[in-house]
Amino acid sequence: PGSGTHVFKVFAKADELSYCGVDISELMVTEAAKNNAGPVDKGNAQFYLSDGQKLDFESDSFDKIITVYTLYFWNDPVAYAKEILRVLKPGGMFCVCFAPKEFMVRLPFTGYIFKLYNLAEAEGILSSAGFTITSSNQHKEVVKTNAGEEVERDFIIINARKE
């Protein structure tokens, strides 16, 4: 969930929601819980630390799972996608958002620990893990850089189902 500043937007879209965020950073888990004290206190949101390999939840626990801009950091992407599939309920949806390789290679910081993917490669990971791809869409958005400049960013959203 990173710092969890997006979570209020998720709660604004649904009345009866239970949100669970998982991050590999203890600092981000702490910040997300702090930034969402209201939903956490009501028992509607929880944030957990993970090693990035195993999700500490029972099989068939979640209706929907989303990940935004994390695919680049999965050490073994097919194994981690299988782990996500395991904790997703049958019929559940998994949504993956990432910036494609063609865009990311232009950024100065992605040459270090980022593993970059195009659409076909990302779909291949999910299919290999056992997901059924239901849709893939490419988008553009304008965002501000850390220097305050506006740039157009490409991103892809893949929706996949656990059968």
C-alpha atoms as a PDB file:
ATOM      1  CA  PRO A   1       0.000   0.000   0.000  1.00  0.00           C
ATOM      2  CA  GLY A   2       2.994   2.316   0.231  1.00  0.00           C
ATOM      3  CA  SER A   3       1.989   5.109   2.599  1.00  0.00           C
ATOM      4  CA  GLY A   4      -1.691   4.311   1.985  1.00  0.00           C
ATOM      5  CA  THR A   5      -2.668   7.813   0.920  1.00  0.00           C
ATOM      6  CA  HIS A   6      -4.823   6.321  -1.855  1.00  0.00           C
ATOM      7  CA  VAL A   7      -6.968   4.227   0.480  1.00  0.00           C
ATOM      8  CA  PHE A   8      -9.534   6.982   1.123  1.00  0.00           C
ATOM      9  CA  LYS A   9     -10.331   6.898  -2.612  1.00  0.00           C
ATOM     10  CA  VAL A  10     -10.996   3.163  -2.396  1.00  0.00           C
ATOM     11  CA  PHE A  11     -13.367   3.622   0.555  1.00  0.00           C
ATOM     12  CA  ALA A  12     -15.140   6.434  -1.321  1.00  0.00           C
ATOM     13  CA  LYS A  13     -16.095   3.908  -4.037  1.00  0.00           C
ATOM     14  CA  ALA A  14     -17.648   1.235  -1.812  1.00  0.00           C
ATOM     15  CA  ASP A  15     -19.795   1.263   1.333  1.00  0.00           C
ATOM     16  CA  GLU A  16     -19.142  -2.181   2.785  1.00  0.00           C
ATOM     17  CA  LEU A  17     -15.446  -2.663   2.243  1.00  0.00           C
ATOM     18  CA  SER A  18     -12.678  -4.461   4.027  1.00  0.00           C
ATOM     19  CA  TYR A  19      -9.237  -3.320   2.861  1.00  0.00           C
ATOM     20  CA  CYS A  20      -6.038  -5.213   3.478  1.00  0.00           C
ATOM     21  CA  GLY A  21      -2.695  -3.724   2.455  1.00  0.00           C
ATOM     22  CA  VAL A  22       0.568  -5.671   2.274  1.00  0.00           C
ATOM     23  CA  ASP A  23       4.002  -4.107   1.894  1.00  0.00           C
ATOM     24  CA  ILE A  24       7.623  -5.222   2.171  1.00  0.00           C
ATOM     25  CA  SER A  25       8.553  -2.044   4.062  1.00  0.00           C
ATOM     26  CA  GLU A  26       7.884  -1.798   7.798  1.00  0.00           C
ATOM     27  CA  LEU A  27       7.958   1.996   7.494  1.00  0.00           C
ATOM     28  CA  MET A  28       5.261   1.949   4.790  1.00  0.00           C
ATOM     29  CA  VAL A  29       3.043  -0.377   6.846  1.00  0.00           C
ATOM     30  CA  THR A  30       3.350   2.007   9.815  1.00  0.00           C
ATOM     31  CA  GLU A  31       2.663   5.080   7.649  1.00  0.00           C
ATOM     32  CA  ALA A  32      -0.319   3.436   5.938  1.00  0.00           C
ATOM     33  CA  ALA A  33      -1.873   2.539   9.292  1.00  0.00           C
ATOM     34  CA  LYS A  34      -1.264   6.073  10.562  1.00  0.00           C
ATOM     35  CA  ASN A  35      -2.673   7.674   7.384  1.00  0.00           C
ATOM     36  CA  ASN A  36      -5.796   5.503   7.652  1.00  0.00           C
ATOM     37  CA  ALA A  37      -6.402   5.611  11.385  1.00  0.00           C
ATOM     38  CA  GLY A  38     -10.184   5.962  10.948  1.00  0.00           C
ATOM     39  CA  PRO A  39     -10.736   2.808   8.869  1.00  0.00           C
ATOM     40  CA  VAL A  40      -8.122   0.929  10.937  1.00  0.00           C
ATOM     41  CA  ASP A  41      -9.858   1.868  14.215  1.00  0.00           C
ATOM     42  CA  LYS A  42     -13.225   0.734  12.768  1.00  0.00           C
ATOM     43  CA  GLY A  43     -11.685  -2.590  11.703  1.00  0.00           C
ATOM     44  CA  ASN A  44     -12.230  -1.847   7.998  1.00  0.00           C
ATOM     45  CA  ALA A  45      -8.541  -1.599   7.085  1.00  0.00           C
ATOM     46  CA  GLN A  46      -5.490  -3.592   8.083  1.00  0.00           C
ATOM     47  CA  PHE A  47      -1.889  -3.308   6.944  1.00  0.00           C
ATOM     48  CA  TYR A  48       0.634  -6.145   7.039  1.00  0.00           C
ATOM     49  CA  LEU A  49       4.359  -6.603   6.541  1.00  0.00           C
ATOM     50  CA  SER A  50       5.392  -9.255   3.983  1.00  0.00           C
ATOM     51  CA  ASP A  51       8.649 -10.724   2.782  1.00  0.00           C
ATOM     52  CA  GLY A  52       7.477 -10.293  -0.815  1.00  0.00           C
ATOM     53  CA  GLN A  53       7.490 -14.053  -1.408  1.00  0.00           C
ATOM     54  CA  LYS A  54       4.705 -15.446   0.773  1.00  0.00           C
ATOM     55  CA  LEU A  55       1.364 -13.926   1.703  1.00  0.00           C
ATOM     56  CA  ASP A  56       0.436 -14.835   5.280  1.00  0.00           C
ATOM     57  CA  PHE A  57      -3.239 -15.444   4.553  1.00  0.00           C
ATOM     58  CA  GLU A  58      -5.317 -18.565   4.175  1.00  0.00           C
ATOM     59  CA  SER A  59      -6.121 -19.809   0.677  1.00  0.00           C
ATOM     60  CA  ASP A  60      -9.250 -18.352  -0.919  1.00  0.00           C
ATOM     61  CA  SER A  61      -9.284 -15.281   1.374  1.00  0.00           C
ATOM     62  CA  PHE A  62      -9.849 -12.346  -0.989  1.00  0.00           C
ATOM     63  CA  ASP A  63     -12.452 -11.328  -3.570  1.00  0.00           C
ATOM     64  CA  LYS A  64     -10.219  -8.771  -5.289  1.00  0.00           C
ATOM     65  CA  ILE A  65      -6.514  -8.034  -5.221  1.00  0.00           C
ATOM     66  CA  ILE A  66      -4.778  -5.075  -6.814  1.00  0.00           C
ATOM     67  CA  THR A  67      -1.156  -4.170  -7.220  1.00  0.00           C
ATOM     68  CA  VAL A  68       0.095  -0.893  -8.612  1.00  0.00           C
ATOM     69  CA  TYR A  69       3.675  -0.410  -9.799  1.00  0.00           C
ATOM     70  CA  THR A  70       5.099  -3.397  -7.892  1.00  0.00           C
ATOM     71  CA  LEU A  71       5.542  -5.984 -10.640  1.00  0.00           C
ATOM     72  CA  TYR A  72       9.077  -4.681 -11.314  1.00  0.00           C
ATOM     73  CA  PHE A  73      10.264  -5.857  -7.892  1.00  0.00           C
ATOM     74  CA  TRP A  74       8.935  -9.427  -7.769  1.00  0.00           C
ATOM     75  CA  ASN A  75      11.981 -11.706  -7.460  1.00  0.00           C
ATOM     76  CA  ASP A  76      10.171 -14.681  -9.009  1.00  0.00           C
ATOM     77  CA  PRO A  77       7.132 -13.197 -10.761  1.00  0.00           C
ATOM     78  CA  VAL A  78       5.394 -16.467 -11.686  1.00  0.00           C
ATOM     79  CA  ALA A  79       5.823 -17.854  -8.149  1.00  0.00           C
ATOM     80  CA  TYR A  80       4.502 -14.636  -6.614  1.00  0.00           C
ATOM     81  CA  ALA A  81       1.553 -14.553  -9.044  1.00  0.00           C
ATOM     82  CA  LYS A  82       0.799 -18.148  -7.983  1.00  0.00           C
ATOM     83  CA  GLU A  83       0.876 -17.008  -4.352  1.00  0.00           C
ATOM     84  CA  ILE A  84      -1.617 -14.246  -5.190  1.00  0.00           C
ATOM     85  CA  LEU A  85      -3.763 -16.815  -7.014  1.00  0.00           C
ATOM     86  CA  ARG A  86      -3.683 -19.024  -3.894  1.00  0.00           C
ATOM     87  CA  VAL A  87      -5.133 -16.343  -1.590  1.00  0.00           C
ATOM     88  CA  LEU A  88      -7.742 -15.209  -4.139  1.00  0.00           C
ATOM     89  CA  LYS A  89     -11.196 -16.798  -3.969  1.00  0.00           C
ATOM     90  CA  PRO A  90     -12.448 -18.777  -6.992  1.00  0.00           C
ATOM     91  CA  GLY A  91     -13.994 -16.254  -9.382  1.00  0.00           C
ATOM     92  CA  GLY A  92     -11.947 -13.504  -7.737  1.00  0.00           C
ATOM     93  CA  MET A  93     -10.253 -10.753  -9.731  1.00  0.00           C
ATOM     94  CA  PHE A  94      -6.629  -9.651  -9.761  1.00  0.00           C
ATOM     95  CA  CYS A  95      -5.749  -6.257 -11.216  1.00  0.00           C
ATOM     96  CA  VAL A  96      -2.134  -5.449 -12.102  1.00  0.00           C
ATOM     97  CA  CYS A  97      -1.117  -1.910 -13.005  1.00  0.00           C
ATOM     98  CA  PHE A  98       2.380  -1.169 -14.302  1.00  0.00           C
ATOM     99  CA  ALA A  99       4.239   1.135 -16.642  1.00  0.00           C
ATOM    100  CA  PRO A 100       5.433  -0.749 -19.733  1.00  0.00           C
ATOM    101  CA  LYS A 101       9.050  -1.431 -20.555  1.00  0.00           C
ATOM    102  CA  GLU A 102       8.899   0.914 -23.568  1.00  0.00           C
ATOM    103  CA  PHE A 103       8.155   3.830 -21.215  1.00  0.00           C
ATOM    104  CA  MET A 104      10.256   2.761 -18.238  1.00  0.00           C
ATOM    105  CA  VAL A 105      13.540   2.395 -20.147  1.00  0.00           C
ATOM    106  CA  ARG A 106      13.524   6.177 -20.660  1.00  0.00           C
ATOM    107  CA  LEU A 107      13.687   6.828 -16.914  1.00  0.00           C
ATOM    108  CA  PRO A 108      17.156   7.239 -15.364  1.00  0.00           C
ATOM    109  CA  PHE A 109      16.493   5.188 -12.207  1.00  0.00           C
ATOM    110  CA  THR A 110      15.074   1.986 -13.700  1.00  0.00           C
ATOM    111  CA  GLY A 111      18.427   0.465 -14.621  1.00  0.00           C
ATOM    112  CA  TYR A 112      19.111  -0.662 -11.062  1.00  0.00           C
ATOM    113  CA  ILE A 113      16.641  -3.022  -9.381  1.00  0.00           C
ATOM    114  CA  PHE A 114      13.710  -2.784 -11.785  1.00  0.00           C
ATOM    115  CA  LYS A 115      12.700  -5.746 -13.968  1.00  0.00           C
ATOM    116  CA  LEU A 116      10.750  -4.238 -16.849  1.00  0.00           C
ATOM    117  CA  TYR A 117       7.894  -5.866 -18.767  1.00  0.00           C
ATOM    118  CA  ASN A 118       5.846  -5.221 -21.857  1.00  0.00           C
ATOM    119  CA  LEU A 119       2.183  -6.185 -22.058  1.00  0.00           C
ATOM    120  CA  ALA A 120       2.772  -9.658 -23.535  1.00  0.00           C
ATOM    121  CA  GLU A 121       5.412 -10.517 -20.903  1.00  0.00           C
ATOM    122  CA  ALA A 122       3.167  -9.445 -18.016  1.00  0.00           C
ATOM    123  CA  GLU A 123       0.201 -11.363 -19.421  1.00  0.00           C
ATOM    124  CA  GLY A 124       2.499 -14.378 -19.802  1.00  0.00           C
ATOM    125  CA  ILE A 125       3.399 -14.237 -16.103  1.00  0.00           C
ATOM    126  CA  LEU A 126      -0.247 -14.228 -15.076  1.00  0.00           C
ATOM    127  CA  SER A 127      -1.235 -16.954 -17.524  1.00  0.00           C
ATOM    128  CA  SER A 128       1.683 -19.135 -16.411  1.00  0.00           C
ATOM    129  CA  ALA A 129       0.520 -18.744 -12.817  1.00  0.00           C
ATOM    130  CA  GLY A 130      -2.967 -19.985 -13.704  1.00  0.00           C
ATOM    131  CA  PHE A 131      -4.908 -16.756 -14.167  1.00  0.00           C
ATOM    132  CA  THR A 132      -7.342 -16.148 -17.018  1.00  0.00           C
ATOM    133  CA  ILE A 133      -6.793 -12.718 -18.561  1.00  0.00           C
ATOM    134  CA  THR A 134     -10.136 -10.917 -18.870  1.00  0.00           C
ATOM    135  CA  SER A 135      -8.898  -7.555 -20.210  1.00  0.00           C
ATOM    136  CA  SER A 136      -5.773  -5.513 -20.826  1.00  0.00           C
ATOM    137  CA  ASN A 137      -5.863  -1.782 -21.404  1.00  0.00           C
ATOM    138  CA  GLN A 138      -3.159   0.769 -22.107  1.00  0.00           C
ATOM    139  CA  HIS A 139      -3.564   4.307 -20.754  1.00  0.00           C
ATOM    140  CA  LYS A 140      -1.767   7.634 -20.537  1.00  0.00           C
ATOM    141  CA  GLU A 141      -1.801  10.110 -17.683  1.00  0.00           C
ATOM    142  CA  VAL A 142      -0.067  13.370 -16.898  1.00  0.00           C
ATOM    143  CA  VAL A 143       1.882  13.331 -13.631  1.00  0.00           C
ATOM    144  CA  LYS A 144       4.319  15.684 -11.919  1.00  0.00           C
ATOM    145  CA  THR A 145       7.906  14.594 -11.457  1.00  0.00           C
ATOM    146  CA  ASN A 146       9.798  15.168  -8.205  1.00  0.00           C
ATOM    147  CA  ALA A 147      11.186  18.280  -9.907  1.00  0.00           C
ATOM    148  CA  GLY A 148       7.634  19.563 -10.450  1.00  0.00           C
ATOM    149  CA  GLU A 149       7.606  19.051 -14.219  1.00  0.00           C
ATOM    150  CA  GLU A 150       4.546  17.550 -15.906  1.00  0.00           C
ATOM    151  CA  VAL A 151       5.212  14.428 -17.974  1.00  0.00           C
ATOM    152  CA  GLU A 152       2.969  12.015 -19.790  1.00  0.00           C
ATOM    153  CA  ARG A 153       3.202   8.503 -18.345  1.00  0.00           C
ATOM    154  CA  ASP A 154       2.062   5.319 -20.058  1.00  0.00           C
ATOM    155  CA  PHE A 155       0.566   2.572 -17.935  1.00  0.00           C
ATOM    156  CA  ILE A 156      -1.183  -0.745 -18.438  1.00  0.00           C
ATOM    157  CA  ILE A 157      -3.951  -2.364 -16.425  1.00  0.00           C
ATOM    158  CA  ILE A 158      -4.418  -6.114 -16.707  1.00  0.00           C
ATOM    159  CA  ASN A 159      -7.492  -7.717 -15.169  1.00  0.00           C
ATOM    160  CA  ALA A 160      -7.297 -11.443 -14.518  1.00  0.00           C
ATOM    161  CA  ARG A 161      -9.614 -13.996 -12.932  1.00  0.00           C
ATOM    162  CA  LYS A 162      -9.098 -17.072 -10.808  1.00  0.00           C
ATOM    163  CA  GLU A 163     -11.329 -19.754 -12.287  1.00  0.00           C
END
